[in-house]
């Protein structure tokens, strides 16, 4: 029996073979960096637009809108913006290291 992940198991439920399924798409490191940076800019634009138009914004980790008149909500928003910026920086660093390793491997060929 084989599942969609390419794992084959025997009749006792033990792992028999691990196949490498064919990937549906291939992304290189600069494209991955672009995808994450684009999602970061989209989220930042969404937050900015909500603040300008409504004076309130909802963040992905909260169910309620954050008001700009509440110091606690401002702190939550600040921490959220720092979090998504930190995640963006981490992804940029990761894609940069991956690209460097890829170029070093290709240079040795």
PDB file of N, CA and C in Angstrom:
ATOM      1  N   UNK A   1       0.851  -1.169   0.000  1.00  0.00           N
ATOM      2  CA  UNK A   1       0.000   0.000   0.000  1.00  0.00           C
ATOM      3  C   UNK A   1       0.898   1.234   0.000  1.00  0.00           C
ATOM      4  N   UNK A   2       0.579   2.220  -0.827  1.00  0.00           N
ATOM      5  CA  UNK A   2       1.369   3.437  -0.930  1.00  0.00           C
ATOM      6  C   UNK A   2       0.447   4.632  -0.775  1.00  0.00           C
ATOM      7  N   UNK A   3       0.922   5.656  -0.076  1.00  0.00           N
ATOM      8  CA  UNK A   3       0.089   6.845   0.095  1.00  0.00           C
ATOM      9  C   UNK A   3       0.581   7.969  -0.806  1.00  0.00           C
ATOM     10  N   UNK A   4      -0.029   9.139  -0.678  1.00  0.00           N
ATOM     11  CA  UNK A   4       0.318  10.263  -1.553  1.00  0.00           C
ATOM     12  C   UNK A   4       1.697  10.830  -1.267  1.00  0.00           C
ATOM     13  N   UNK A   5       2.273  10.534  -0.125  1.00  0.00           N
ATOM     14  CA  UNK A   5       3.607  11.023   0.199  1.00  0.00           C
ATOM     15  C   UNK A   5       4.698  10.114  -0.324  1.00  0.00           C
ATOM     16  N   UNK A   6       4.339   8.982  -0.903  1.00  0.00           N
ATOM     17  CA  UNK A   6       5.338   8.077  -1.439  1.00  0.00           C
ATOM     18  C   UNK A   6       5.845   7.080  -0.420  1.00  0.00           C
ATOM     19  N   UNK A   7       5.166   6.925   0.705  1.00  0.00           N
ATOM     20  CA  UNK A   7       5.574   5.957   1.710  1.00  0.00           C
ATOM     21  C   UNK A   7       4.884   4.631   1.432  1.00  0.00           C
ATOM     22  N   UNK A   8       5.651   3.578   1.396  1.00  0.00           N
ATOM     23  CA  UNK A   8       5.075   2.250   1.207  1.00  0.00           C
ATOM     24  C   UNK A   8       5.188   1.497   2.516  1.00  0.00           C
ATOM     25  N   UNK A   9       4.093   0.887   2.943  1.00  0.00           N
ATOM     26  CA  UNK A   9       4.095   0.129   4.194  1.00  0.00           C
ATOM     27  C   UNK A   9       3.677  -1.301   3.910  1.00  0.00           C
ATOM     28  N   UNK A  10       4.199  -2.226   4.716  1.00  0.00           N
ATOM     29  CA  UNK A  10       3.815  -3.619   4.517  1.00  0.00           C
ATOM     30  C   UNK A  10       2.507  -3.914   5.232  1.00  0.00           C
ATOM     31  N   UNK A  11       2.045  -5.159   5.159  1.00  0.00           N
ATOM     32  CA  UNK A  11       0.731  -5.499   5.720  1.00  0.00           C
ATOM     33  C   UNK A  11       0.697  -5.419   7.236  1.00  0.00           C
ATOM     34  N   UNK A  12       1.860  -5.446   7.908  1.00  0.00           N
ATOM     35  CA  UNK A  12       1.901  -5.327   9.360  1.00  0.00           C
ATOM     36  C   UNK A  12       1.954  -3.871   9.819  1.00  0.00           C
ATOM     37  N   UNK A  13       1.989  -2.966   8.868  1.00  0.00           N
ATOM     38  CA  UNK A  13       2.022  -1.555   9.226  1.00  0.00           C
ATOM     39  C   UNK A  13       3.420  -0.997   9.363  1.00  0.00           C
ATOM     40  N   UNK A  14       4.446  -1.802   9.135  1.00  0.00           N
ATOM     41  CA  UNK A  14       5.818  -1.314   9.222  1.00  0.00           C
ATOM     42  C   UNK A  14       6.232  -0.640   7.936  1.00  0.00           C
ATOM     43  N   UNK A  15       7.181   0.248   8.046  1.00  0.00           N
ATOM     44  CA  UNK A  15       7.679   0.973   6.883  1.00  0.00           C
ATOM     45  C   UNK A  15       8.515   0.030   6.036  1.00  0.00           C
ATOM     46  N   UNK A  16       8.159  -0.087   4.787  1.00  0.00           N
ATOM     47  CA  UNK A  16       8.859  -0.995   3.890  1.00  0.00           C
ATOM     48  C   UNK A  16       9.805  -0.239   2.975  1.00  0.00           C
ATOM     49  N   UNK A  17       9.315   0.778   2.285  1.00  0.00           N
ATOM     50  CA  UNK A  17      10.107   1.536   1.319  1.00  0.00           C
ATOM     51  C   UNK A  17       9.703   2.993   1.419  1.00  0.00           C
ATOM     52  N   UNK A  18      10.664   3.867   1.306  1.00  0.00           N
ATOM     53  CA  UNK A  18      10.369   5.296   1.215  1.00  0.00           C
ATOM     54  C   UNK A  18      10.759   5.731  -0.186  1.00  0.00           C
ATOM     55  N   UNK A  19       9.762   6.057  -0.976  1.00  0.00           N
ATOM     56  CA  UNK A  19      10.010   6.526  -2.336  1.00  0.00           C
ATOM     57  C   UNK A  19      10.145   8.047  -2.311  1.00  0.00           C
ATOM     58  N   UNK A  20      10.872   8.577  -3.260  1.00  0.00           N
ATOM     59  CA  UNK A  20      10.971  10.023  -3.410  1.00  0.00           C
ATOM     60  C   UNK A  20       9.969  10.466  -4.463  1.00  0.00           C
ATOM     61  N   UNK A  21       8.845  11.042  -4.045  1.00  0.00           N
ATOM     62  CA  UNK A  21       7.863  11.466  -5.040  1.00  0.00           C
ATOM     63  C   UNK A  21       8.415  12.608  -5.889  1.00  0.00           C
ATOM     64  N   UNK A  22       7.922  12.732  -7.079  1.00  0.00           N
ATOM     65  CA  UNK A  22       8.335  13.798  -7.980  1.00  0.00           C
ATOM     66  C   UNK A  22       7.712  15.104  -7.497  1.00  0.00           C
ATOM     67  N   UNK A  23       8.525  16.140  -7.271  1.00  0.00           N
ATOM     68  CA  UNK A  23       7.952  17.410  -6.811  1.00  0.00           C
ATOM     69  C   UNK A  23       7.082  18.038  -7.897  1.00  0.00           C
ATOM     70  N   UNK A  24       6.036  18.729  -7.472  1.00  0.00           N
ATOM     71  CA  UNK A  24       5.130  19.375  -8.404  1.00  0.00           C
ATOM     72  C   UNK A  24       5.720  20.669  -8.967  1.00  0.00           C
ATOM     73  N   UNK A  25       6.615  21.311  -8.225  1.00  0.00           N
ATOM     74  CA  UNK A  25       7.243  22.554  -8.671  1.00  0.00           C
ATOM     75  C   UNK A  25       8.634  22.632  -8.071  1.00  0.00           C
ATOM     76  N   UNK A  26       9.502  23.316  -8.760  1.00  0.00           N
ATOM     77  CA  UNK A  26      10.866  23.513  -8.260  1.00  0.00           C
ATOM     78  C   UNK A  26      11.095  25.015  -8.068  1.00  0.00           C
ATOM     79  N   UNK A  27      11.480  25.370  -6.858  1.00  0.00           N
ATOM     80  CA  UNK A  27      11.762  26.762  -6.550  1.00  0.00           C
ATOM     81  C   UNK A  27      13.221  26.892  -6.142  1.00  0.00           C
ATOM     82  N   UNK A  28      13.863  27.932  -6.619  1.00  0.00           N
ATOM     83  CA  UNK A  28      15.225  28.167  -6.176  1.00  0.00           C
ATOM     84  C   UNK A  28      15.193  29.159  -5.013  1.00  0.00           C
ATOM     85  N   UNK A  29      16.346  29.409  -4.430  1.00  0.00           N
ATOM     86  CA  UNK A  29      16.400  30.235  -3.225  1.00  0.00           C
ATOM     87  C   UNK A  29      15.987  31.692  -3.465  1.00  0.00           C
ATOM     88  N   UNK A  30      16.410  32.350  -4.547  1.00  0.00           N
ATOM     89  CA  UNK A  30      15.939  33.728  -4.752  1.00  0.00           C
ATOM     90  C   UNK A  30      14.427  33.822  -4.941  1.00  0.00           C
ATOM     91  N   UNK A  31      13.833  32.826  -5.603  1.00  0.00           N
ATOM     92  CA  UNK A  31      12.387  32.852  -5.790  1.00  0.00           C
ATOM     93  C   UNK A  31      11.662  32.643  -4.461  1.00  0.00           C
ATOM     94  N   UNK A  32      12.188  31.765  -3.625  1.00  0.00           N
ATOM     95  CA  UNK A  32      11.612  31.579  -2.294  1.00  0.00           C
ATOM     96  C   UNK A  32      11.695  32.843  -1.468  1.00  0.00           C
ATOM     97  N   UNK A  33      12.815  33.551  -1.595  1.00  0.00           N
ATOM     98  CA  UNK A  33      12.988  34.820  -0.901  1.00  0.00           C
ATOM     99  C   UNK A  33      11.958  35.836  -1.406  1.00  0.00           C
ATOM    100  N   UNK A  34      11.747  35.866  -2.703  1.00  0.00           N
ATOM    101  CA  UNK A  34      10.764  36.767  -3.298  1.00  0.00           C
ATOM    102  C   UNK A  34       9.357  36.462  -2.786  1.00  0.00           C
ATOM    103  N   UNK A  35       8.997  35.186  -2.742  1.00  0.00           N
ATOM    104  CA  UNK A  35       7.653  34.800  -2.284  1.00  0.00           C
ATOM    105  C   UNK A  35       7.424  35.258  -0.845  1.00  0.00           C
ATOM    106  N   UNK A  36       8.403  35.024   0.041  1.00  0.00           N
ATOM    107  CA  UNK A  36       8.210  35.421   1.433  1.00  0.00           C
ATOM    108  C   UNK A  36       8.200  36.933   1.573  1.00  0.00           C
ATOM    109  N   UNK A  37       9.095  37.627   0.834  1.00  0.00           N
ATOM    110  CA  UNK A  37       9.136  39.081   0.916  1.00  0.00           C
ATOM    111  C   UNK A  37       7.828  39.680   0.410  1.00  0.00           C
ATOM    112  N   UNK A  38       7.255  39.108  -0.646  1.00  0.00           N
ATOM    113  CA  UNK A  38       5.986  39.583  -1.180  1.00  0.00           C
ATOM    114  C   UNK A  38       4.864  39.401  -0.155  1.00  0.00           C
ATOM    115  N   UNK A  39       4.833  38.257   0.524  1.00  0.00           N
ATOM    116  CA  UNK A  39       3.797  38.045   1.536  1.00  0.00           C
ATOM    117  C   UNK A  39       3.986  38.996   2.717  1.00  0.00           C
ATOM    118  N   UNK A  40       5.231  39.307   3.060  1.00  0.00           N
ATOM    119  CA  UNK A  40       5.510  40.271   4.133  1.00  0.00           C
ATOM    120  C   UNK A  40       4.974  41.649   3.758  1.00  0.00           C
ATOM    121  N   UNK A  41       5.258  42.095   2.535  1.00  0.00           N
ATOM    122  CA  UNK A  41       4.799  43.412   2.088  1.00  0.00           C
ATOM    123  C   UNK A  41       3.272  43.455   2.020  1.00  0.00           C
ATOM    124  N   UNK A  42       2.650  42.379   1.562  1.00  0.00           N
ATOM    125  CA  UNK A  42       1.186  42.334   1.508  1.00  0.00           C
ATOM    126  C   UNK A  42       0.575  42.453   2.901  1.00  0.00           C
ATOM    127  N   UNK A  43       1.146  41.749   3.879  1.00  0.00           N
ATOM    128  CA  UNK A  43       0.630  41.812   5.253  1.00  0.00           C
ATOM    129  C   UNK A  43       0.851  43.201   5.846  1.00  0.00           C
ATOM    130  N   UNK A  44       2.018  43.782   5.607  1.00  0.00           N
ATOM    131  CA  UNK A  44       2.311  45.121   6.104  1.00  0.00           C
ATOM    132  C   UNK A  44       1.355  46.147   5.484  1.00  0.00           C
ATOM    133  N   UNK A  45       1.077  46.003   4.204  1.00  0.00           N
ATOM    134  CA  UNK A  45       0.138  46.912   3.520  1.00  0.00           C
ATOM    135  C   UNK A  45      -1.274  46.759   4.068  1.00  0.00           C
ATOM    136  N   UNK A  46      -1.674  45.513   4.354  1.00  0.00           N
ATOM    137  CA  UNK A  46      -3.007  45.268   4.908  1.00  0.00           C
ATOM    138  C   UNK A  46      -3.156  45.941   6.270  1.00  0.00           C
ATOM    139  N   UNK A  47      -2.138  45.817   7.113  1.00  0.00           N
ATOM    140  CA  UNK A  47      -2.177  46.433   8.445  1.00  0.00           C
ATOM    141  C   UNK A  47      -2.218  47.949   8.325  1.00  0.00           C
ATOM    142  N   UNK A  48      -1.378  48.507   7.463  1.00  0.00           N
ATOM    143  CA  UNK A  48      -1.333  49.959   7.288  1.00  0.00           C
ATOM    144  C   UNK A  48      -2.655  50.501   6.755  1.00  0.00           C
ATOM    145  N   UNK A  49      -3.227  49.821   5.779  1.00  0.00           N
ATOM    146  CA  UNK A  49      -4.501  50.261   5.206  1.00  0.00           C
ATOM    147  C   UNK A  49      -5.617  50.240   6.244  1.00  0.00           C
ATOM    148  N   UNK A  50      -5.659  49.200   7.069  1.00  0.00           N
ATOM    149  CA  UNK A  50      -6.690  49.114   8.109  1.00  0.00           C
ATOM    150  C   UNK A  50      -6.511  50.214   9.140  1.00  0.00           C
ATOM    151  N   UNK A  51      -5.275  50.520   9.494  1.00  0.00           N
ATOM    152  CA  UNK A  51      -5.031  51.590  10.466  1.00  0.00           C
ATOM    153  C   UNK A  51      -5.457  52.942   9.917  1.00  0.00           C
ATOM    154  N   UNK A  52      -5.162  53.191   8.652  1.00  0.00           N
ATOM    155  CA  UNK A  52      -5.505  54.489   8.064  1.00  0.00           C
ATOM    156  C   UNK A  52      -7.009  54.619   7.862  1.00  0.00           C
ATOM    157  N   UNK A  53      -7.642  53.575   7.359  1.00  0.00           N
ATOM    158  CA  UNK A  53      -9.069  53.664   7.022  1.00  0.00           C
ATOM    159  C   UNK A  53      -9.993  53.526   8.219  1.00  0.00           C
ATOM    160  N   UNK A  54      -9.707  52.579   9.117  1.00  0.00           N
ATOM    161  CA  UNK A  54     -10.621  52.291  10.227  1.00  0.00           C
ATOM    162  C   UNK A  54     -10.100  52.713  11.592  1.00  0.00           C
ATOM    163  N   UNK A  55      -8.803  52.861  11.737  1.00  0.00           N
ATOM    164  CA  UNK A  55      -8.242  53.136  13.053  1.00  0.00           C
ATOM    165  C   UNK A  55      -8.138  51.894  13.914  1.00  0.00           C
ATOM    166  N   UNK A  56      -8.516  50.764  13.350  1.00  0.00           N
ATOM    167  CA  UNK A  56      -8.428  49.466  14.022  1.00  0.00           C
ATOM    168  C   UNK A  56      -7.854  48.468  13.033  1.00  0.00           C
ATOM    169  N   UNK A  57      -7.216  47.452  13.573  1.00  0.00           N
ATOM    170  CA  UNK A  57      -6.633  46.430  12.711  1.00  0.00           C
ATOM    171  C   UNK A  57      -6.770  45.076  13.390  1.00  0.00           C
ATOM    172  N   UNK A  58      -6.961  44.044  12.595  1.00  0.00           N
ATOM    173  CA  UNK A  58      -6.955  42.695  13.152  1.00  0.00           C
ATOM    174  C   UNK A  58      -5.661  42.021  12.704  1.00  0.00           C
ATOM    175  N   UNK A  59      -5.010  41.375  13.645  1.00  0.00           N
ATOM    176  CA  UNK A  59      -3.796  40.643  13.305  1.00  0.00           C
ATOM    177  C   UNK A  59      -4.134  39.161  13.279  1.00  0.00           C
ATOM    178  N   UNK A  60      -3.284  38.378  12.681  1.00  0.00           N
ATOM    179  CA  UNK A  60      -3.595  36.977  12.441  1.00  0.00           C
ATOM    180  C   UNK A  60      -3.724  36.168  13.727  1.00  0.00           C
ATOM    181  N   UNK A  61      -3.087  36.599  14.812  1.00  0.00           N
ATOM    182  CA  UNK A  61      -3.131  35.825  16.054  1.00  0.00           C
ATOM    183  C   UNK A  61      -4.263  36.243  16.987  1.00  0.00           C
ATOM    184  N   UNK A  62      -5.014  37.247  16.642  1.00  0.00           N
ATOM    185  CA  UNK A  62      -6.100  37.754  17.494  1.00  0.00           C
ATOM    186  C   UNK A  62      -7.433  37.617  16.770  1.00  0.00           C
ATOM    187  N   UNK A  63      -8.494  37.390  17.527  1.00  0.00           N
ATOM    188  CA  UNK A  63      -9.819  37.338  16.942  1.00  0.00           C
ATOM    189  C   UNK A  63     -10.500  38.703  16.946  1.00  0.00           C
ATOM    190  N   UNK A  64     -10.040  39.594  17.796  1.00  0.00           N
ATOM    191  CA  UNK A  64     -10.668  40.907  17.891  1.00  0.00           C
ATOM    192  C   UNK A  64      -9.783  41.953  17.232  1.00  0.00           C
ATOM    193  N   UNK A  65     -10.394  43.081  16.891  1.00  0.00           N
ATOM    194  CA  UNK A  65      -9.639  44.176  16.303  1.00  0.00           C
ATOM    195  C   UNK A  65      -8.843  44.889  17.385  1.00  0.00           C
ATOM    196  N   UNK A  66      -7.669  45.339  17.014  1.00  0.00           N
ATOM    197  CA  UNK A  66      -6.831  46.099  17.932  1.00  0.00           C
ATOM    198  C   UNK A  66      -7.115  47.575  17.728  1.00  0.00           C
ATOM    199  N   UNK A  67      -7.436  48.270  18.819  1.00  0.00           N
ATOM    200  CA  UNK A  67      -7.749  49.686  18.770  1.00  0.00           C
ATOM    201  C   UNK A  67      -6.484  50.501  18.995  1.00  0.00           C
ATOM    202  N   UNK A  68      -6.401  51.625  18.333  1.00  0.00           N
ATOM    203  CA  UNK A  68      -5.226  52.475  18.496  1.00  0.00           C
ATOM    204  C   UNK A  68      -5.340  53.378  19.725  1.00  0.00           C
ATOM    205  N   UNK A  69      -6.451  53.292  20.453  1.00  0.00           N
ATOM    206  CA  UNK A  69      -6.630  54.075  21.671  1.00  0.00           C
ATOM    207  C   UNK A  69      -6.243  53.302  22.919  1.00  0.00           C
ATOM    208  N   UNK A  70      -5.941  52.029  22.781  1.00  0.00           N
ATOM    209  CA  UNK A  70      -5.617  51.169  23.907  1.00  0.00           C
ATOM    210  C   UNK A  70      -4.112  50.870  23.903  1.00  0.00           C
ATOM    211  N   UNK A  71      -3.386  51.262  24.975  1.00  0.00           N
ATOM    212  CA  UNK A  71      -1.937  51.000  25.000  1.00  0.00           C
ATOM    213  C   UNK A  71      -1.588  49.514  24.903  1.00  0.00           C
ATOM    214  N   UNK A  72      -2.413  48.646  25.462  1.00  0.00           N
ATOM    215  CA  UNK A  72      -2.157  47.206  25.367  1.00  0.00           C
ATOM    216  C   UNK A  72      -2.256  46.705  23.935  1.00  0.00           C
ATOM    217  N   UNK A  73      -3.245  47.227  23.201  1.00  0.00           N
ATOM    218  CA  UNK A  73      -3.399  46.849  21.799  1.00  0.00           C
ATOM    219  C   UNK A  73      -2.242  47.374  20.954  1.00  0.00           C
ATOM    220  N   UNK A  74      -1.761  48.577  21.286  1.00  0.00           N
ATOM    221  CA  UNK A  74      -0.602  49.122  20.566  1.00  0.00           C
ATOM    222  C   UNK A  74       0.637  48.260  20.805  1.00  0.00           C
ATOM    223  N   UNK A  75       0.775  47.764  22.026  1.00  0.00           N
ATOM    224  CA  UNK A  75       1.911  46.886  22.330  1.00  0.00           C
ATOM    225  C   UNK A  75       1.790  45.567  21.560  1.00  0.00           C
ATOM    226  N   UNK A  76       0.578  45.017  21.496  1.00  0.00           N
ATOM    227  CA  UNK A  76       0.363  43.796  20.718  1.00  0.00           C
ATOM    228  C   UNK A  76       0.714  44.008  19.255  1.00  0.00           C
ATOM    229  N   UNK A  77       0.289  45.152  18.698  1.00  0.00           N
ATOM    230  CA  UNK A  77       0.581  45.452  17.301  1.00  0.00           C
ATOM    231  C   UNK A  77       2.081  45.608  17.079  1.00  0.00           C
ATOM    232  N   UNK A  78       2.744  46.286  18.006  1.00  0.00           N
ATOM    233  CA  UNK A  78       4.195  46.450  17.895  1.00  0.00           C
ATOM    234  C   UNK A  78       4.905  45.098  17.911  1.00  0.00           C
ATOM    235  N   UNK A  79       4.509  44.225  18.818  1.00  0.00           N
ATOM    236  CA  UNK A  79       5.126  42.897  18.884  1.00  0.00           C
ATOM    237  C   UNK A  79       4.828  42.082  17.626  1.00  0.00           C
ATOM    238  N   UNK A  80       3.618  42.219  17.088  1.00  0.00           N
ATOM    239  CA  UNK A  80       3.259  41.507  15.863  1.00  0.00           C
ATOM    240  C   UNK A  80       4.115  41.980  14.686  1.00  0.00           C
ATOM    241  N   UNK A  81       4.268  43.300  14.554  1.00  0.00           N
ATOM    242  CA  UNK A  81       5.078  43.837  13.457  1.00  0.00           C
ATOM    243  C   UNK A  81       6.542  43.436  13.601  1.00  0.00           C
ATOM    244  N   UNK A  82       7.045  43.414  14.825  1.00  0.00           N
ATOM    245  CA  UNK A  82       8.424  42.959  15.052  1.00  0.00           C
ATOM    246  C   UNK A  82       8.564  41.478  14.702  1.00  0.00           C
ATOM    247  N   UNK A  83       7.519  40.709  15.015  1.00  0.00           N
ATOM    248  CA  UNK A  83       7.547  39.276  14.735  1.00  0.00           C
ATOM    249  C   UNK A  83       7.590  38.999  13.241  1.00  0.00           C
ATOM    250  N   UNK A  84       6.732  39.671  12.461  1.00  0.00           N
ATOM    251  CA  UNK A  84       6.747  39.405  11.024  1.00  0.00           C
ATOM    252  C   UNK A  84       8.014  39.952  10.370  1.00  0.00           C
ATOM    253  N   UNK A  85       8.575  41.038  10.918  1.00  0.00           N
ATOM    254  CA  UNK A  85       9.840  41.547  10.395  1.00  0.00           C
ATOM    255  C   UNK A  85      10.971  40.579  10.707  1.00  0.00           C
ATOM    256  N   UNK A  86      10.965  40.033  11.901  1.00  0.00           N
ATOM    257  CA  UNK A  86      11.982  39.060  12.284  1.00  0.00           C
ATOM    258  C   UNK A  86      11.884  37.799  11.428  1.00  0.00           C
ATOM    259  N   UNK A  87      10.665  37.349  11.154  1.00  0.00           N
ATOM    260  CA  UNK A  87      10.477  36.178  10.295  1.00  0.00           C
ATOM    261  C   UNK A  87      10.979  36.460   8.887  1.00  0.00           C
ATOM    262  N   UNK A  88      10.723  37.659   8.376  1.00  0.00           N
ATOM    263  CA  UNK A  88      11.206  38.040   7.042  1.00  0.00           C
ATOM    264  C   UNK A  88      12.726  38.033   7.013  1.00  0.00           C
ATOM    265  N   UNK A  89      13.347  38.618   8.042  1.00  0.00           N
ATOM    266  CA  UNK A  89      14.806  38.645   8.102  1.00  0.00           C
ATOM    267  C   UNK A  89      15.389  37.246   8.188  1.00  0.00           C
ATOM    268  N   UNK A  90      14.734  36.377   8.950  1.00  0.00           N
ATOM    269  CA  UNK A  90      15.193  34.990   9.058  1.00  0.00           C
ATOM    270  C   UNK A  90      15.109  34.257   7.743  1.00  0.00           C
ATOM    271  N   UNK A  91      14.002  34.459   7.019  1.00  0.00           N
ATOM    272  CA  UNK A  91      13.853  33.806   5.721  1.00  0.00           C
ATOM    273  C   UNK A  91      14.853  34.341   4.714  1.00  0.00           C
ATOM    274  N   UNK A  92      15.136  35.640   4.764  1.00  0.00           N
ATOM    275  CA  UNK A  92      16.142  36.197   3.868  1.00  0.00           C
ATOM    276  C   UNK A  92      17.518  35.612   4.176  1.00  0.00           C
ATOM    277  N   UNK A  93      17.839  35.475   5.455  1.00  0.00           N
ATOM    278  CA  UNK A  93      19.118  34.885   5.832  1.00  0.00           C
ATOM    279  C   UNK A  93      19.218  33.436   5.398  1.00  0.00           C
ATOM    280  N   UNK A  94      18.130  32.708   5.580  1.00  0.00           N
ATOM    281  CA  UNK A  94      18.114  31.302   5.194  1.00  0.00           C
ATOM    282  C   UNK A  94      18.263  31.138   3.684  1.00  0.00           C
ATOM    283  N   UNK A  95      17.549  31.946   2.923  1.00  0.00           N
ATOM    284  CA  UNK A  95      17.655  31.831   1.468  1.00  0.00           C
ATOM    285  C   UNK A  95      19.033  32.292   1.001  1.00  0.00           C
ATOM    286  N   UNK A  96      19.617  33.277   1.664  1.00  0.00           N
ATOM    287  CA  UNK A  96      20.969  33.721   1.307  1.00  0.00           C
ATOM    288  C   UNK A  96      22.003  32.640   1.562  1.00  0.00           C
ATOM    289  N   UNK A  97      21.908  31.980   2.711  1.00  0.00           N
ATOM    290  CA  UNK A  97      22.831  30.881   3.022  1.00  0.00           C
ATOM    291  C   UNK A  97      22.637  29.713   2.061  1.00  0.00           C
ATOM    292  N   UNK A  98      21.374  29.403   1.744  1.00  0.00           N
ATOM    293  CA  UNK A  98      21.097  28.310   0.811  1.00  0.00           C
ATOM    294  C   UNK A  98      21.633  28.609  -0.568  1.00  0.00           C
ATOM    295  N   UNK A  99      21.473  29.846  -1.026  1.00  0.00           N
ATOM    296  CA  UNK A  99      21.988  30.234  -2.335  1.00  0.00           C
ATOM    297  C   UNK A  99      23.509  30.163  -2.356  1.00  0.00           C
ATOM    298  N   UNK A 100      24.149  30.621  -1.274  1.00  0.00           N
ATOM    299  CA  UNK A 100      25.611  30.558  -1.207  1.00  0.00           C
ATOM    300  C   UNK A 100      26.090  29.113  -1.241  1.00  0.00           C
ATOM    301  N   UNK A 101      25.416  28.240  -0.490  1.00  0.00           N
ATOM    302  CA  UNK A 101      25.802  26.827  -0.501  1.00  0.00           C
ATOM    303  C   UNK A 101      25.581  26.210  -1.882  1.00  0.00           C
ATOM    304  N   UNK A 102      24.501  26.590  -2.539  1.00  0.00           N
ATOM    305  CA  UNK A 102      24.223  26.081  -3.878  1.00  0.00           C
ATOM    306  C   UNK A 102      25.283  26.552  -4.873  1.00  0.00           C
ATOM    307  N   UNK A 103      25.658  27.822  -4.799  1.00  0.00           N
ATOM    308  CA  UNK A 103      26.684  28.337  -5.700  1.00  0.00           C
ATOM    309  C   UNK A 103      28.039  27.715  -5.422  1.00  0.00           C
ATOM    310  N   UNK A 104      28.368  27.481  -4.140  1.00  0.00           N
ATOM    311  CA  UNK A 104      29.630  26.829  -3.799  1.00  0.00           C
ATOM    312  C   UNK A 104      29.662  25.396  -4.329  1.00  0.00           C
ATOM    313  N   UNK A 105      28.539  24.697  -4.235  1.00  0.00           N
ATOM    314  CA  UNK A 105      28.471  23.324  -4.752  1.00  0.00           C
ATOM    315  C   UNK A 105      28.617  23.306  -6.277  1.00  0.00           C
ATOM    316  N   UNK A 106      27.996  24.269  -6.939  1.00  0.00           N
ATOM    317  CA  UNK A 106      28.108  24.323  -8.398  1.00  0.00           C
ATOM    318  C   UNK A 106      29.514  24.717  -8.842  1.00  0.00           C
ATOM    319  N   UNK A 107      30.192  25.536  -8.034  1.00  0.00           N
ATOM    320  CA  UNK A 107      31.551  25.951  -8.380  1.00  0.00           C
ATOM    321  C   UNK A 107      32.529  24.783  -8.293  1.00  0.00           C
ATOM    322  N   UNK A 108      32.218  23.786  -7.473  1.00  0.00           N
ATOM    323  CA  UNK A 108      33.104  22.639  -7.315  1.00  0.00           C
ATOM    324  C   UNK A 108      32.925  21.601  -8.407  1.00  0.00           C
ATOM    325  N   UNK A 109      31.906  21.761  -9.239  1.00  0.00           N
ATOM    326  CA  UNK A 109      31.668  20.792 -10.321  1.00  0.00           C
ATOM    327  C   UNK A 109      32.645  20.919 -11.432  1.00  0.00           C
TER     328      UNK A 109
END
